[in-house]
Amino acid sequence: MSQTSRIEWTEATWNPAVGCTKISPGCKHCYAETMAKRLQAMGTPGYENGFRLTILPERLAEPLARKKPTVYFVNSMSDLFHKGVDDSYIAQVFDVIRRCPQHTFQVLTKRGDRQASFFHIHEVPGNACLAVSVEDKRYGLTRIEGLRKVAARIRFLSVEPLLEDVGELDLSGIHWVIVGGESGPKARPMQLDWVENVRQQCEDQGAQFFFKQWGGWGADGKRRSKKANGRLLRGRTWDDMPALSAHV
């Protein structure tokens, strides 16, 4: 079922599929994998297979039953463009999105090439915001060009976990950039200069910047809890985002 989310940049999650496989360094300490195993141990429906990819068509209709306008993060516990998800099922997910104009749907993938190929022959619903993950130069930067080719009303980047200085970014056609450090017991540190590099380029190129968290390491390079490290960057919070709803 849909769940209220504690993720700062969305309101609720909708998982018509769960489970995934690792394809890049950003996946190494996947929060969804840890959570899926916990839910499996609790006997939560949908997680009988743990983090193995599982298609859940019985969840497709969930957003249709909710009338209150809601921002949904789609497949927070998976990747909709995983090779194990058929194009026909992806099309069903986006048909539901199209039939829920009162809601806004955020779709994030590390499989940007497949996302671009899918939307080469399918239309993007106006209430779907599409994104790719950018954790480093080698794997992350190559995803941006594919996203730029997709005719979505809102295109955004999830630069989380930020694992290195990503260098020069071309943000043309990108509306929004979210940055965050890794959390959890094995979190890798994120440096202030890496974050500032992304923030400054957003400012220079007109993309809106959202700083989600420091995660397990603070701006001073010291290990603390995620809560203790907080969300402040240069003494303030950065919560800029575009008008996600097509009706605003």
Protein backbone atom coordinates (compact mmCIF):
# COMPACT_ATOMS: atom_id res chain seq x y z
CA MET A 1 0.00 0.00 0.00
CA SER A 2 1.03 3.64 -0.42
CA GLN A 3 2.91 5.03 2.54
CA THR A 4 3.46 8.52 3.91
CA SER A 5 7.13 9.31 3.35
CA ARG A 6 9.75 10.88 5.59
CA ILE A 7 11.85 11.72 2.51
CA GLU A 8 12.16 15.50 2.53
CA TRP A 9 11.38 16.06 -1.15
CA THR A 10 8.21 13.98 -1.48
CA GLU A 11 4.97 13.20 0.41
CA ALA A 12 4.20 9.53 -0.14
CA THR A 13 5.62 6.41 -1.76
CA TRP A 14 4.00 4.01 -4.21
CA ASN A 15 5.72 0.71 -4.96
CA PRO A 16 4.07 -1.31 -7.76
CA ALA A 17 7.33 -3.30 -7.74
CA VAL A 18 9.92 -3.91 -5.03
CA GLY A 19 13.45 -5.27 -5.01
CA CYS A 20 16.42 -4.51 -7.23
CA THR A 21 20.01 -5.41 -8.15
CA LYS A 22 23.18 -3.33 -7.80
CA ILE A 23 24.64 -1.66 -10.89
CA SER A 24 26.91 1.15 -9.65
CA PRO A 25 28.78 2.43 -6.55
CA GLY A 26 25.74 4.35 -5.34
CA CYS A 27 24.00 1.00 -4.78
CA LYS A 28 26.64 -0.38 -2.41
CA HIS A 29 24.81 0.42 0.83
CA CYS A 30 21.28 0.57 -0.55
CA TYR A 31 18.79 1.71 2.10
CA ALA A 32 15.96 -0.07 0.29
CA GLU A 33 17.76 -3.40 0.50
CA THR A 34 18.20 -3.05 4.25
CA MET A 35 14.58 -2.02 4.69
CA ALA A 36 13.26 -4.82 2.48
CA LYS A 37 15.06 -7.45 4.55
CA ARG A 38 13.63 -5.93 7.71
CA LEU A 39 10.12 -5.94 6.24
CA GLN A 40 10.59 -9.55 5.13
CA ALA A 41 11.51 -10.53 8.68
CA MET A 42 8.38 -8.76 9.93
CA GLY A 43 6.19 -10.68 7.49
CA THR A 44 5.09 -7.54 5.64
CA PRO A 45 3.05 -8.35 2.51
CA GLY A 46 5.00 -7.77 -0.69
CA TYR A 47 8.38 -8.55 0.83
CA GLU A 48 8.18 -12.33 0.93
CA ASN A 49 11.14 -12.38 -1.49
CA GLY A 50 13.17 -9.87 0.48
CA PHE A 51 15.02 -7.63 -1.97
CA ARG A 52 14.60 -9.87 -5.00
CA LEU A 53 12.75 -8.03 -7.76
CA THR A 54 9.02 -8.65 -7.32
CA ILE A 55 6.23 -7.26 -9.50
CA LEU A 56 3.11 -6.32 -7.52
CA PRO A 57 0.24 -5.59 -9.95
CA GLU A 58 -2.22 -5.62 -7.05
CA ARG A 59 -0.72 -2.27 -6.02
CA LEU A 60 -1.29 -0.56 -9.36
CA ALA A 61 -4.65 0.94 -8.39
CA GLU A 62 -3.53 2.49 -5.09
CA PRO A 63 -3.16 6.12 -6.30
CA LEU A 64 -6.55 5.93 -8.05
CA ALA A 65 -8.25 5.51 -4.67
CA ARG A 66 -6.73 8.69 -3.22
CA LYS A 67 -8.50 11.93 -4.13
CA LYS A 68 -6.33 14.34 -2.12
CA PRO A 69 -3.56 15.75 -4.37
CA THR A 70 -0.35 14.01 -3.33
CA VAL A 71 3.28 13.95 -4.47
CA TYR A 72 4.26 10.30 -4.92
CA PHE A 73 7.77 8.88 -5.14
CA VAL A 74 7.33 5.89 -7.46
CA ASN A 75 9.23 2.69 -6.63
CA SER A 76 11.18 4.02 -3.67
CA MET A 77 11.96 0.35 -2.96
CA SER A 78 13.02 -0.60 -6.48
CA ASP A 79 13.86 0.81 -9.93
CA LEU A 80 10.96 0.95 -12.38
CA PHE A 81 13.36 0.64 -15.33
CA HIS A 82 15.10 -2.50 -14.05
CA LYS A 83 15.66 -5.03 -16.87
CA GLY A 84 13.33 -7.43 -15.06
CA VAL A 85 10.34 -5.09 -15.42
CA ASP A 86 8.62 -5.54 -18.79
CA ASP A 87 7.85 -2.51 -20.94
CA SER A 88 4.18 -3.51 -20.80
CA TYR A 89 4.19 -3.24 -17.01
CA ILE A 90 6.01 0.10 -17.07
CA ALA A 91 3.33 1.29 -19.49
CA GLN A 92 0.64 0.20 -17.01
CA VAL A 93 2.32 2.21 -14.26
CA PHE A 94 2.38 5.32 -16.41
CA ASP A 95 -1.24 4.72 -17.46
CA VAL A 96 -2.20 4.91 -13.77
CA ILE A 97 -0.15 8.10 -13.46
CA ARG A 98 -1.99 9.56 -16.44
CA ARG A 99 -5.33 8.64 -14.88
CA CYS A 100 -4.45 10.48 -11.64
CA PRO A 101 -4.08 14.12 -12.74
CA GLN A 102 -4.67 15.27 -9.16
CA HIS A 103 -1.33 13.72 -8.11
CA THR A 104 2.30 14.35 -9.03
CA PHE A 105 4.62 11.37 -9.50
CA GLN A 106 8.41 11.38 -9.14
CA VAL A 107 10.23 8.57 -10.93
CA LEU A 108 13.95 8.11 -10.16
CA THR A 109 16.21 5.60 -11.92
CA LYS A 110 19.84 4.55 -12.24
CA ARG A 111 18.92 2.99 -15.58
CA GLY A 112 18.66 6.21 -17.54
CA ASP A 113 19.32 4.64 -20.94
CA ARG A 114 16.27 2.43 -20.64
CA GLN A 115 14.17 5.33 -19.39
CA ALA A 116 15.18 7.38 -22.43
CA SER A 117 14.48 4.45 -24.79
CA PHE A 118 11.06 3.85 -23.25
CA PHE A 119 10.01 7.47 -23.68
CA HIS A 120 11.32 7.55 -27.22
CA ILE A 121 8.13 5.67 -28.10
CA HIS A 122 5.86 6.59 -25.17
CA GLU A 123 4.57 9.98 -24.11
CA VAL A 124 5.49 11.29 -20.65
CA PRO A 125 2.38 12.20 -18.62
CA GLY A 126 2.32 15.87 -17.66
CA ASN A 127 2.17 14.98 -13.97
CA ALA A 128 5.29 12.78 -14.06
CA CYS A 129 8.63 14.23 -12.96
CA LEU A 130 11.56 12.13 -14.15
CA ALA A 131 15.01 11.84 -12.59
CA VAL A 132 18.30 9.97 -12.64
CA SER A 133 20.80 9.32 -9.85
CA VAL A 134 24.22 10.97 -10.09
CA GLU A 135 26.58 9.64 -7.44
CA ASP A 136 29.92 10.07 -9.21
CA LYS A 137 31.57 10.95 -12.53
CA ARG A 138 31.94 7.52 -14.10
CA TYR A 139 28.42 6.23 -13.64
CA GLY A 140 26.37 9.26 -12.70
CA LEU A 141 27.30 11.90 -15.26
CA THR A 142 26.51 9.66 -18.23
CA ARG A 143 22.89 9.38 -17.07
CA ILE A 144 22.19 13.12 -17.37
CA GLU A 145 22.37 13.24 -21.16
CA GLY A 146 19.74 10.52 -21.50
CA LEU A 147 17.41 12.33 -19.11
CA ARG A 148 17.81 15.56 -21.04
CA LYS A 149 16.37 13.83 -24.13
CA VAL A 150 13.15 12.89 -22.34
CA ALA A 151 10.27 15.32 -22.85
CA ALA A 152 9.24 15.54 -19.20
CA ARG A 153 7.79 18.73 -17.74
CA ILE A 154 10.18 18.42 -14.77
CA ARG A 155 13.58 16.71 -15.04
CA PHE A 156 15.68 16.41 -11.90
CA LEU A 157 18.84 14.84 -10.51
CA SER A 158 19.24 12.94 -7.25
CA VAL A 159 22.89 13.51 -6.37
CA GLU A 160 22.76 11.09 -3.46
CA PRO A 161 24.86 9.62 -2.10
CA LEU A 162 27.40 12.13 -3.42
CA LEU A 163 30.59 10.06 -3.43
CA GLU A 164 33.09 12.45 -5.04
CA ASP A 165 33.48 15.84 -6.68
CA VAL A 166 31.47 15.43 -9.88
CA GLY A 167 33.32 18.26 -11.60
CA GLU A 168 31.66 20.31 -14.32
CA LEU A 169 27.94 19.72 -14.87
CA ASP A 170 25.81 20.57 -17.88
CA LEU A 171 22.45 21.37 -16.31
CA SER A 172 20.73 22.58 -19.46
CA GLY A 173 17.22 21.14 -19.46
CA ILE A 174 17.53 20.09 -15.81
CA HIS A 175 15.09 21.88 -13.50
CA TRP A 176 16.02 20.62 -10.06
CA VAL A 177 19.00 19.06 -8.26
CA ILE A 178 18.81 17.23 -4.91
CA VAL A 179 22.07 16.58 -3.03
CA GLY A 180 22.60 14.34 -0.03
CA GLY A 181 25.23 12.37 1.84
CA GLU A 182 25.03 8.70 2.66
CA SER A 183 23.62 7.49 5.98
CA GLY A 184 23.78 4.18 7.79
CA PRO A 185 26.52 2.31 9.68
CA LYS A 186 28.77 2.02 6.61
CA ALA A 187 28.19 5.51 5.23
CA ARG A 188 30.89 7.00 3.05
CA PRO A 189 31.80 10.64 3.83
CA MET A 190 30.76 13.61 1.69
CA GLN A 191 32.91 16.73 1.58
CA LEU A 192 31.68 20.31 1.77
CA ASP A 193 33.54 21.32 -1.40
CA TRP A 194 31.75 18.64 -3.40
CA VAL A 195 28.35 19.96 -2.31
CA GLU A 196 29.33 23.57 -2.88
CA ASN A 197 30.49 22.76 -6.41
CA VAL A 198 27.05 21.40 -7.28
CA ARG A 199 25.20 24.21 -5.52
CA GLN A 200 27.19 26.92 -7.29
CA GLN A 201 26.60 25.34 -10.69
CA CYS A 202 22.87 25.18 -9.97
CA GLU A 203 22.93 28.89 -9.17
CA ASP A 204 24.96 29.71 -12.27
CA GLN A 205 22.82 27.62 -14.63
CA GLY A 206 19.37 28.30 -13.19
CA ALA A 207 18.55 24.89 -11.70
CA GLN A 208 16.87 24.80 -8.30
CA PHE A 209 18.94 23.32 -5.48
CA PHE A 210 17.72 21.15 -2.60
CA PHE A 211 20.08 19.96 0.13
CA LYS A 212 18.60 16.84 1.68
CA GLN A 213 21.10 15.85 4.37
CA TRP A 214 24.71 15.40 5.45
CA GLY A 215 24.02 11.81 6.40
CA GLY A 216 26.50 9.92 8.56
CA TRP A 217 29.33 12.44 8.26
CA GLY A 218 29.17 16.15 9.06
CA ALA A 219 30.51 19.11 7.12
CA ASP A 220 33.51 19.02 9.46
CA GLY A 221 34.35 15.46 8.46
CA LYS A 222 33.26 13.97 11.80
CA ARG A 223 31.08 10.90 12.17
CA ARG A 224 27.71 11.44 13.88
CA SER A 225 24.12 10.32 13.55
CA LYS A 226 22.19 11.60 10.56
CA LYS A 227 19.95 13.62 12.86
CA ALA A 228 22.91 15.23 14.61
CA ASN A 229 24.53 16.26 11.33
CA GLY A 230 21.27 17.74 10.10
CA ARG A 231 20.58 19.59 6.85
CA LEU A 232 22.33 22.92 7.25
CA LEU A 233 24.70 24.02 4.50
CA ARG A 234 26.57 27.28 5.05
CA GLY A 235 24.29 27.98 8.02
CA ARG A 236 20.96 27.58 6.26
CA THR A 237 18.60 25.05 4.74
CA TRP A 238 18.21 24.80 0.98
CA ASP A 239 14.72 23.62 0.07
CA ASP A 240 14.25 25.10 -3.39
CA MET A 241 12.12 23.04 -5.74
CA PRO A 242 10.08 23.69 -8.88
CA ALA A 243 6.29 23.80 -8.87
CA LEU A 244 5.82 20.05 -9.13
CA SER A 245 2.09 20.10 -9.79
CA ALA A 246 1.11 20.82 -13.38
CA HIS A 247 -1.86 22.76 -11.99
CA VAL A 248 0.21 25.34 -10.06
